[in-house]
């Protein structure tokens, strides 16, 4: 029985990265950090740990320094970086960003490995300068082998930013969700052995959770999820306005019958646009023309509705996968009582896709087996 690697879960949200690593075995969580109140409530409800910690504070950084751990995990937000030159080191290049705080924690504690997750826009942010700064800091300032990065004869970093993007639709769920994954291993701890590691993260997952979106949707949803006739008309006018300008913005119905193997658009934490780009047709009887409290006009006659929070949870792998008891088949995922739908959408939209992270965790586990000579892993 191999020992478990201890991990810390930063910018944790509702713990999707943590859960992906737990599912890969060999990993156990010892410290968490999240500042969103509702996300913290859900996290504590799911794991029994209160993650309410702020990674920007000296108090938390001191706590990490006193914590024995092996792996740093973080789904940090993308923020603008300073324009300081290379000679100042990461303190000046990244000050004022959450990445700075993560880099500082890595610098102080030198974990064996890290995995960072972010939106795919990270690679084009500030014309690629943000991503270049991050990679430069991780490789040159903090001395980590980043998977996907090599050096040429002059010591210059060689990599393709696009090679860091992975799409959830290739990891078992029918959601078009490109995300950046950055994984690194400490040269201080492992030396040149890190250069023996594979230089590409997993690109897919063999087992599919669903055949396509139709396999995931739960029809005959509650009436409250169906759009009013007036709102549908507003969305149509909005899209027509954008189309007349040559833009592709506007609402989207993702399960139209003519779509072969449908997938959802990316879920967004902002809720509104994330929902409007993921409308579905649900031919429920008795909905057309129905008066629903809180809606100004009757429900539409085409069965158009938003996806339910439960469907979003399935698209992210939280519901119907990540918390299913292998022995009883019982799904143990739930939100705390009285959590509003708006908060549920936000938390799932902010979350990672658990099956995708699980594949990254399995890859990290294999890398540890290579580095530590455990051929039997």
Protein backbone atom coordinates (compact mmCIF):
# COMPACT_ATOMS: atom_id res chain seq x y z
CA UNK A 1 0.00 0.00 0.00
CA UNK A 2 1.65 3.23 -1.10
CA UNK A 3 1.37 6.29 1.10
CA UNK A 4 -0.99 9.09 0.17
CA UNK A 5 0.31 12.40 -1.12
CA UNK A 6 -0.93 15.32 0.95
CA UNK A 7 -2.48 18.18 -1.00
CA UNK A 8 -3.67 21.72 -0.35
CA UNK A 9 -6.72 23.03 -2.22
CA UNK A 10 -6.46 26.77 -2.97
CA UNK A 11 -9.10 28.98 -4.66
CA UNK A 12 -11.09 25.85 -3.97
CA UNK A 13 -14.64 26.78 -4.98
CA UNK A 14 -16.78 23.77 -4.07
CA UNK A 15 -13.83 21.40 -4.19
CA UNK A 16 -13.93 20.00 -7.72
CA UNK A 17 -10.14 19.83 -8.05
CA UNK A 18 -9.89 18.18 -4.63
CA UNK A 19 -12.54 15.62 -5.56
CA UNK A 20 -10.84 14.79 -8.87
CA UNK A 21 -7.61 14.07 -7.00
CA UNK A 22 -9.38 12.05 -4.33
CA UNK A 23 -10.98 9.88 -7.02
CA UNK A 24 -7.53 9.17 -8.45
CA UNK A 25 -6.57 7.60 -5.09
CA UNK A 26 -3.14 8.24 -3.52
CA UNK A 27 -4.10 11.82 -2.57
CA UNK A 28 -5.56 13.27 0.63
CA UNK A 29 -6.43 16.89 1.40
CA UNK A 30 -4.90 18.63 4.44
CA UNK A 31 -5.76 22.33 3.92
CA UNK A 32 -8.24 24.37 1.85
CA UNK A 33 -8.80 28.02 0.97
CA UNK A 34 -11.86 29.78 -0.47
CA UNK A 35 -13.44 33.17 0.29
CA UNK A 36 -16.86 32.93 -1.41
CA UNK A 37 -19.37 32.47 1.42
CA UNK A 38 -21.82 30.18 -0.37
CA UNK A 39 -19.07 28.08 -1.94
CA UNK A 40 -17.61 27.64 1.56
CA UNK A 41 -21.00 26.45 2.85
CA UNK A 42 -21.21 23.83 0.09
CA UNK A 43 -17.57 22.78 0.56
CA UNK A 44 -18.07 22.25 4.29
CA UNK A 45 -21.32 20.39 3.59
CA UNK A 46 -19.54 18.02 1.17
CA UNK A 47 -16.21 17.46 2.91
CA UNK A 48 -16.69 18.45 6.54
CA UNK A 49 -13.84 20.99 6.26
CA UNK A 50 -14.34 24.75 6.51
CA UNK A 51 -12.22 26.25 3.68
CA UNK A 52 -12.78 29.90 4.67
CA UNK A 53 -9.21 31.14 4.25
CA UNK A 54 -7.75 34.01 2.23
CA UNK A 55 -4.58 33.05 0.35
CA UNK A 56 -3.49 36.70 0.12
CA UNK A 57 -2.95 37.03 3.88
CA UNK A 58 0.32 36.50 5.72
CA UNK A 59 -1.63 34.52 8.30
CA UNK A 60 -2.65 31.91 5.74
CA UNK A 61 0.79 31.79 4.11
CA UNK A 62 2.30 31.15 7.54
CA UNK A 63 -0.24 28.37 8.09
CA UNK A 64 0.76 26.72 4.80
CA UNK A 65 4.44 27.01 5.77
CA UNK A 66 3.67 25.05 8.94
CA UNK A 67 1.64 22.41 7.06
CA UNK A 68 3.31 19.27 5.78
CA UNK A 69 2.10 18.69 2.23
CA UNK A 70 3.25 17.46 -1.18
CA UNK A 71 0.94 18.91 -3.84
CA UNK A 72 -0.46 22.41 -4.34
CA UNK A 73 -3.73 22.67 -6.30
CA UNK A 74 -5.34 25.95 -7.35
CA UNK A 75 -8.07 27.11 -9.71
CA UNK A 76 -7.01 30.76 -9.60
CA UNK A 77 -8.73 33.59 -11.51
CA UNK A 78 -7.01 35.43 -14.35
CA UNK A 79 -5.91 38.98 -13.52
CA UNK A 80 -3.71 41.60 -15.23
CA UNK A 81 0.00 41.42 -14.41
CA UNK A 82 2.47 44.26 -14.09
CA UNK A 83 4.81 45.17 -16.93
CA UNK A 84 7.98 44.83 -14.85
CA UNK A 85 11.03 43.41 -16.59
CA UNK A 86 12.40 39.92 -16.08
CA UNK A 87 15.21 40.94 -13.79
CA UNK A 88 12.92 41.79 -10.87
CA UNK A 89 11.75 38.22 -10.28
CA UNK A 90 8.23 37.04 -9.57
CA UNK A 91 7.65 39.51 -6.70
CA UNK A 92 7.56 42.47 -9.06
CA UNK A 93 6.27 40.74 -12.18
CA UNK A 94 3.16 39.31 -10.54
CA UNK A 95 2.43 41.58 -7.57
CA UNK A 96 -1.23 42.32 -6.98
CA UNK A 97 -2.46 39.08 -8.54
CA UNK A 98 -3.58 35.85 -6.92
CA UNK A 99 -0.91 34.10 -8.95
CA UNK A 100 1.63 36.15 -7.00
CA UNK A 101 0.26 34.70 -3.76
CA UNK A 102 0.38 31.17 -5.17
CA UNK A 103 3.95 31.73 -6.41
CA UNK A 104 4.93 33.05 -2.99
CA UNK A 105 3.47 29.97 -1.29
CA UNK A 106 5.33 27.70 -3.73
CA UNK A 107 8.54 29.64 -3.14
CA UNK A 108 8.25 29.32 0.64
CA UNK A 109 7.15 25.67 0.82
CA UNK A 110 8.54 23.98 -2.33
CA UNK A 111 5.85 21.35 -2.84
CA UNK A 112 6.79 18.26 -4.84
CA UNK A 113 4.27 19.24 -7.52
CA UNK A 114 1.46 21.64 -8.37
CA UNK A 115 -1.48 21.83 -10.73
CA UNK A 116 -3.07 25.14 -11.67
CA UNK A 117 -6.34 25.46 -13.60
CA UNK A 118 -7.71 28.50 -15.40
CA UNK A 119 -9.94 29.70 -18.23
CA UNK A 120 -8.61 29.16 -21.75
CA UNK A 121 -8.42 32.96 -22.26
CA UNK A 122 -5.35 32.85 -20.03
CA UNK A 123 -3.15 31.96 -23.01
CA UNK A 124 -4.25 35.02 -25.01
CA UNK A 125 -4.65 37.44 -22.07
CA UNK A 126 -2.66 40.66 -22.63
CA UNK A 127 -1.55 39.25 -26.02
CA UNK A 128 0.01 36.22 -24.36
CA UNK A 129 2.14 38.19 -21.88
CA UNK A 130 0.25 36.96 -18.83
CA UNK A 131 0.77 33.30 -19.71
CA UNK A 132 4.41 33.88 -20.64
CA UNK A 133 4.99 35.52 -17.26
CA UNK A 134 3.36 32.62 -15.41
CA UNK A 135 5.46 30.00 -17.22
CA UNK A 136 8.64 32.07 -16.78
CA UNK A 137 8.02 32.41 -13.03
CA UNK A 138 7.25 28.72 -12.56
CA UNK A 139 10.24 27.46 -14.55
CA UNK A 140 12.96 30.08 -14.02
CA UNK A 141 12.13 31.72 -10.70
CA UNK A 142 10.64 28.75 -8.82
CA UNK A 143 12.68 25.99 -10.53
CA UNK A 144 9.92 23.60 -11.62
CA UNK A 145 9.69 21.33 -14.61
CA UNK A 146 6.41 22.37 -16.22
CA UNK A 147 4.84 19.65 -18.36
CA UNK A 148 4.84 20.94 -21.95
CA UNK A 149 7.85 23.26 -21.53
CA UNK A 150 11.45 22.57 -22.60
CA UNK A 151 14.54 24.75 -23.06
CA UNK A 152 16.54 25.27 -26.23
CA UNK A 153 20.36 25.41 -26.48
CA UNK A 154 20.34 29.05 -25.37
CA UNK A 155 18.23 28.32 -22.31
CA UNK A 156 15.13 29.96 -23.80
CA UNK A 157 11.77 28.41 -22.92
CA UNK A 158 10.10 26.46 -25.72
CA UNK A 159 6.36 25.68 -25.60
CA UNK A 160 3.06 26.12 -27.43
CA UNK A 161 0.50 27.88 -25.22
CA UNK A 162 -2.32 26.04 -27.00
CA UNK A 163 -0.89 22.72 -25.82
CA UNK A 164 -2.01 23.58 -22.27
CA UNK A 165 -5.70 23.71 -23.21
CA UNK A 166 -7.92 20.69 -22.60
CA UNK A 167 -11.65 20.47 -23.36
CA UNK A 168 -14.13 18.85 -20.99
CA UNK A 169 -15.97 17.32 -23.95
CA UNK A 170 -12.97 14.98 -24.40
CA UNK A 171 -13.11 13.88 -20.78
CA UNK A 172 -16.42 12.08 -20.60
CA UNK A 173 -19.01 14.85 -20.42
CA UNK A 174 -20.96 16.57 -23.25
CA UNK A 175 -19.79 20.12 -22.46
CA UNK A 176 -17.65 22.33 -24.71
CA UNK A 177 -15.42 23.72 -21.95
CA UNK A 178 -11.79 24.49 -22.88
CA UNK A 179 -9.59 25.09 -19.84
CA UNK A 180 -5.88 25.63 -19.20
CA UNK A 181 -4.06 23.11 -17.00
CA UNK A 182 -0.50 23.79 -15.82
CA UNK A 183 1.36 21.05 -13.96
CA UNK A 184 4.89 21.18 -12.58
CA UNK A 185 7.37 19.09 -10.57
CA UNK A 186 10.12 20.43 -8.31
CA UNK A 187 13.71 20.26 -9.58
CA UNK A 188 14.93 20.99 -6.06
CA UNK A 189 13.31 17.78 -4.86
CA UNK A 190 13.74 15.50 -7.87
CA UNK A 191 16.71 16.96 -9.75
CA UNK A 192 17.14 16.17 -13.46
CA UNK A 193 14.85 13.13 -13.09
CA UNK A 194 11.98 15.49 -13.91
CA UNK A 195 13.25 15.62 -17.50
CA UNK A 196 12.29 11.94 -17.88
CA UNK A 197 8.60 12.74 -17.43
CA UNK A 198 6.13 12.72 -20.34
CA UNK A 199 5.92 16.21 -21.80
CA UNK A 200 2.21 16.34 -22.48
CA UNK A 201 -0.82 16.19 -20.19
CA UNK A 202 -3.66 13.75 -20.96
CA UNK A 203 -5.79 14.81 -23.92
CA UNK A 204 -8.83 12.61 -23.29
CA UNK A 205 -10.59 10.17 -21.05
CA UNK A 206 -11.45 6.74 -22.39
CA UNK A 207 -14.68 6.19 -20.42
CA UNK A 208 -17.60 8.45 -21.28
CA UNK A 209 -20.09 9.36 -18.58
CA UNK A 210 -22.75 10.10 -21.22
CA UNK A 211 -23.15 9.38 -24.94
CA UNK A 212 -24.14 12.98 -25.60
CA UNK A 213 -26.22 15.78 -24.09
CA UNK A 214 -29.51 13.97 -24.75
CA UNK A 215 -28.27 11.16 -22.54
CA UNK A 216 -27.75 13.62 -19.67
CA UNK A 217 -30.83 15.87 -19.83
CA UNK A 218 -33.76 15.17 -17.51
CA UNK A 219 -36.98 15.97 -19.33
CA UNK A 220 -40.28 17.14 -17.82
CA UNK A 221 -38.45 19.71 -15.71
CA UNK A 222 -40.20 21.90 -13.18
CA UNK A 223 -42.26 24.68 -14.79
CA UNK A 224 -40.06 27.38 -13.22
CA UNK A 225 -37.23 26.55 -15.64
CA UNK A 226 -39.34 27.27 -18.77
CA UNK A 227 -38.97 30.70 -20.36
CA UNK A 228 -41.87 33.08 -20.73
CA UNK A 229 -43.06 33.96 -24.21
CA UNK A 230 -41.97 37.57 -23.70
CA UNK A 231 -38.46 36.57 -22.67
CA UNK A 232 -38.05 34.28 -25.69
CA UNK A 233 -39.09 37.20 -27.93
CA UNK A 234 -36.52 39.45 -26.20
CA UNK A 235 -33.77 36.88 -26.76
CA UNK A 236 -34.73 36.55 -30.44
CA UNK A 237 -34.60 40.32 -30.96
CA UNK A 238 -31.24 40.47 -29.19
CA UNK A 239 -29.76 37.76 -31.40
CA UNK A 240 -31.19 39.29 -34.57
CA UNK A 241 -29.55 42.61 -33.64
CA UNK A 242 -26.18 40.97 -33.23
CA UNK A 243 -26.53 38.86 -36.38
CA UNK A 244 -27.27 42.00 -38.40
CA UNK A 245 -23.87 43.30 -37.24
CA UNK A 246 -22.15 40.05 -38.14
CA UNK A 247 -21.75 38.90 -34.52
CA UNK A 248 -22.41 35.38 -33.28
CA UNK A 249 -23.83 36.46 -29.93
CA UNK A 250 -27.22 35.48 -28.67
CA UNK A 251 -29.17 32.63 -27.18
CA UNK A 252 -28.54 29.07 -28.24
CA UNK A 253 -30.69 25.95 -28.09
CA UNK A 254 -28.22 23.10 -27.67
CA UNK A 255 -30.40 19.99 -28.14
CA UNK A 256 -32.24 20.72 -31.39
CA UNK A 257 -33.28 17.46 -33.11
CA UNK A 258 -31.07 18.13 -36.13
CA UNK A 259 -27.92 18.25 -33.97
CA UNK A 260 -26.07 14.96 -34.05
CA UNK A 261 -24.40 14.09 -30.72
CA UNK A 262 -25.25 17.45 -29.07
CA UNK A 263 -23.00 19.04 -26.42
CA UNK A 264 -23.61 22.05 -24.19
CA UNK A 265 -21.81 25.36 -24.38
CA UNK A 266 -19.46 26.19 -21.51
CA UNK A 267 -21.24 26.79 -18.23
CA UNK A 268 -20.51 30.25 -16.83
CA UNK A 269 -20.52 31.52 -13.26
CA UNK A 270 -22.32 34.68 -14.39
CA UNK A 271 -25.48 32.60 -14.71
CA UNK A 272 -27.50 34.67 -17.22
CA UNK A 273 -25.42 34.31 -20.38
CA UNK A 274 -24.32 30.84 -19.31
CA UNK A 275 -27.94 29.80 -19.18
CA UNK A 276 -29.01 31.57 -22.37
CA UNK A 277 -26.27 29.84 -24.37
CA UNK A 278 -27.53 26.51 -23.01
CA UNK A 279 -31.26 26.52 -23.63
CA UNK A 280 -32.96 23.19 -24.30
CA UNK A 281 -36.24 22.08 -25.80
CA UNK A 282 -38.26 20.01 -23.33
CA UNK A 283 -41.60 18.91 -24.87
CA UNK A 284 -43.47 18.84 -21.55
CA UNK A 285 -47.24 18.76 -21.86
CA UNK A 286 -49.34 21.52 -20.35
CA UNK A 287 -46.60 24.15 -20.27
CA UNK A 288 -47.49 26.26 -23.33
CA UNK A 289 -49.41 29.39 -22.37
CA UNK A 290 -49.32 28.59 -18.66
CA UNK A 291 -49.25 31.53 -16.27
CA UNK A 292 -46.36 31.15 -13.84
CA UNK A 293 -45.95 33.39 -10.78
CA UNK A 294 -43.04 35.87 -11.12
CA UNK A 295 -43.10 35.70 -14.93
CA UNK A 296 -44.71 38.65 -16.71
CA UNK A 297 -46.00 36.73 -19.73
CA UNK A 298 -47.24 33.13 -20.22
CA UNK A 299 -44.74 30.31 -20.69
CA UNK A 300 -43.57 29.83 -24.29
CA UNK A 301 -45.25 27.32 -26.60
CA UNK A 302 -42.05 25.68 -27.89
CA UNK A 303 -40.93 24.03 -24.66
CA UNK A 304 -37.79 26.17 -24.39
CA UNK A 305 -36.23 26.18 -20.94
CA UNK A 306 -32.95 26.75 -19.19
CA UNK A 307 -31.06 23.73 -17.94
CA UNK A 308 -31.64 22.88 -14.31
CA UNK A 309 -28.89 23.19 -11.68
CA UNK A 310 -28.95 19.41 -11.47
CA UNK A 311 -28.16 19.15 -15.20
CA UNK A 312 -25.29 21.61 -14.73
CA UNK A 313 -24.03 19.44 -11.88
CA UNK A 314 -24.04 16.42 -14.18
CA UNK A 315 -22.18 18.37 -16.89
CA UNK A 316 -19.42 19.11 -14.36
CA UNK A 317 -19.31 15.55 -13.05
CA UNK A 318 -20.38 16.46 -9.50
CA UNK A 319 -23.82 14.86 -9.75
CA UNK A 320 -24.18 11.25 -10.90
CA UNK A 321 -20.42 10.63 -10.76
CA UNK A 322 -17.99 12.22 -8.29
CA UNK A 323 -19.87 11.43 -5.10
CA UNK A 324 -21.55 8.14 -6.03
CA UNK A 325 -20.92 5.43 -3.45
CA UNK A 326 -19.30 2.57 -5.39
CA UNK A 327 -20.88 -0.08 -3.15
CA UNK A 328 -24.46 1.16 -2.79
CA UNK A 329 -24.78 3.28 -5.95
CA UNK A 330 -26.13 6.14 -3.81
CA UNK A 331 -25.26 9.65 -5.03
CA UNK A 332 -24.10 11.55 -1.98
CA UNK A 333 -23.72 14.95 -3.64
CA UNK A 334 -26.06 17.61 -2.30
CA UNK A 335 -26.13 21.30 -1.54
CA UNK A 336 -26.79 22.67 1.94
CA UNK A 337 -30.50 23.18 2.64
CA UNK A 338 -32.11 26.36 1.28
CA UNK A 339 -29.27 27.09 -1.17
CA UNK A 340 -30.84 29.25 -3.89
CA UNK A 341 -30.78 28.16 -7.55
CA UNK A 342 -28.75 31.27 -8.44
CA UNK A 343 -25.99 30.19 -6.06
CA UNK A 344 -26.07 26.63 -7.41
CA UNK A 345 -25.60 27.87 -10.99
CA UNK A 346 -22.76 30.16 -9.91
CA UNK A 347 -20.99 27.41 -7.99
CA UNK A 348 -21.22 24.89 -10.83
CA UNK A 349 -20.28 27.54 -13.41
CA UNK A 350 -17.19 28.43 -11.37
CA UNK A 351 -16.25 24.80 -10.82
CA UNK A 352 -13.92 22.49 -12.67
CA UNK A 353 -15.06 19.40 -14.55
CA UNK A 354 -14.26 16.65 -12.06
CA UNK A 355 -13.60 13.79 -14.56
CA UNK A 356 -11.08 15.98 -16.44
CA UNK A 357 -9.23 16.80 -13.22
CA UNK A 358 -9.29 13.12 -12.25
CA UNK A 359 -7.32 12.29 -15.41
CA UNK A 360 -4.79 15.01 -14.55
CA UNK A 361 -4.48 13.54 -11.06
CA UNK A 362 -3.86 10.05 -12.45
CA UNK A 363 -1.16 11.53 -14.68
CA UNK A 364 0.48 13.23 -11.69
CA UNK A 365 0.35 9.95 -9.78
CA UNK A 366 2.13 8.17 -12.63
CA UNK A 367 4.77 10.92 -12.71
CA UNK A 368 5.40 10.40 -9.00
CA UNK A 369 5.83 6.68 -9.63
CA UNK A 370 8.48 7.49 -12.25
CA UNK A 371 10.26 10.03 -10.05
CA UNK A 372 10.20 7.93 -6.90
CA UNK A 373 11.02 4.63 -8.56
CA UNK A 374 7.70 3.01 -7.68
CA UNK A 375 7.31 0.74 -10.70
CA UNK A 376 4.42 -1.15 -9.16
CA UNK A 377 2.04 1.82 -8.78
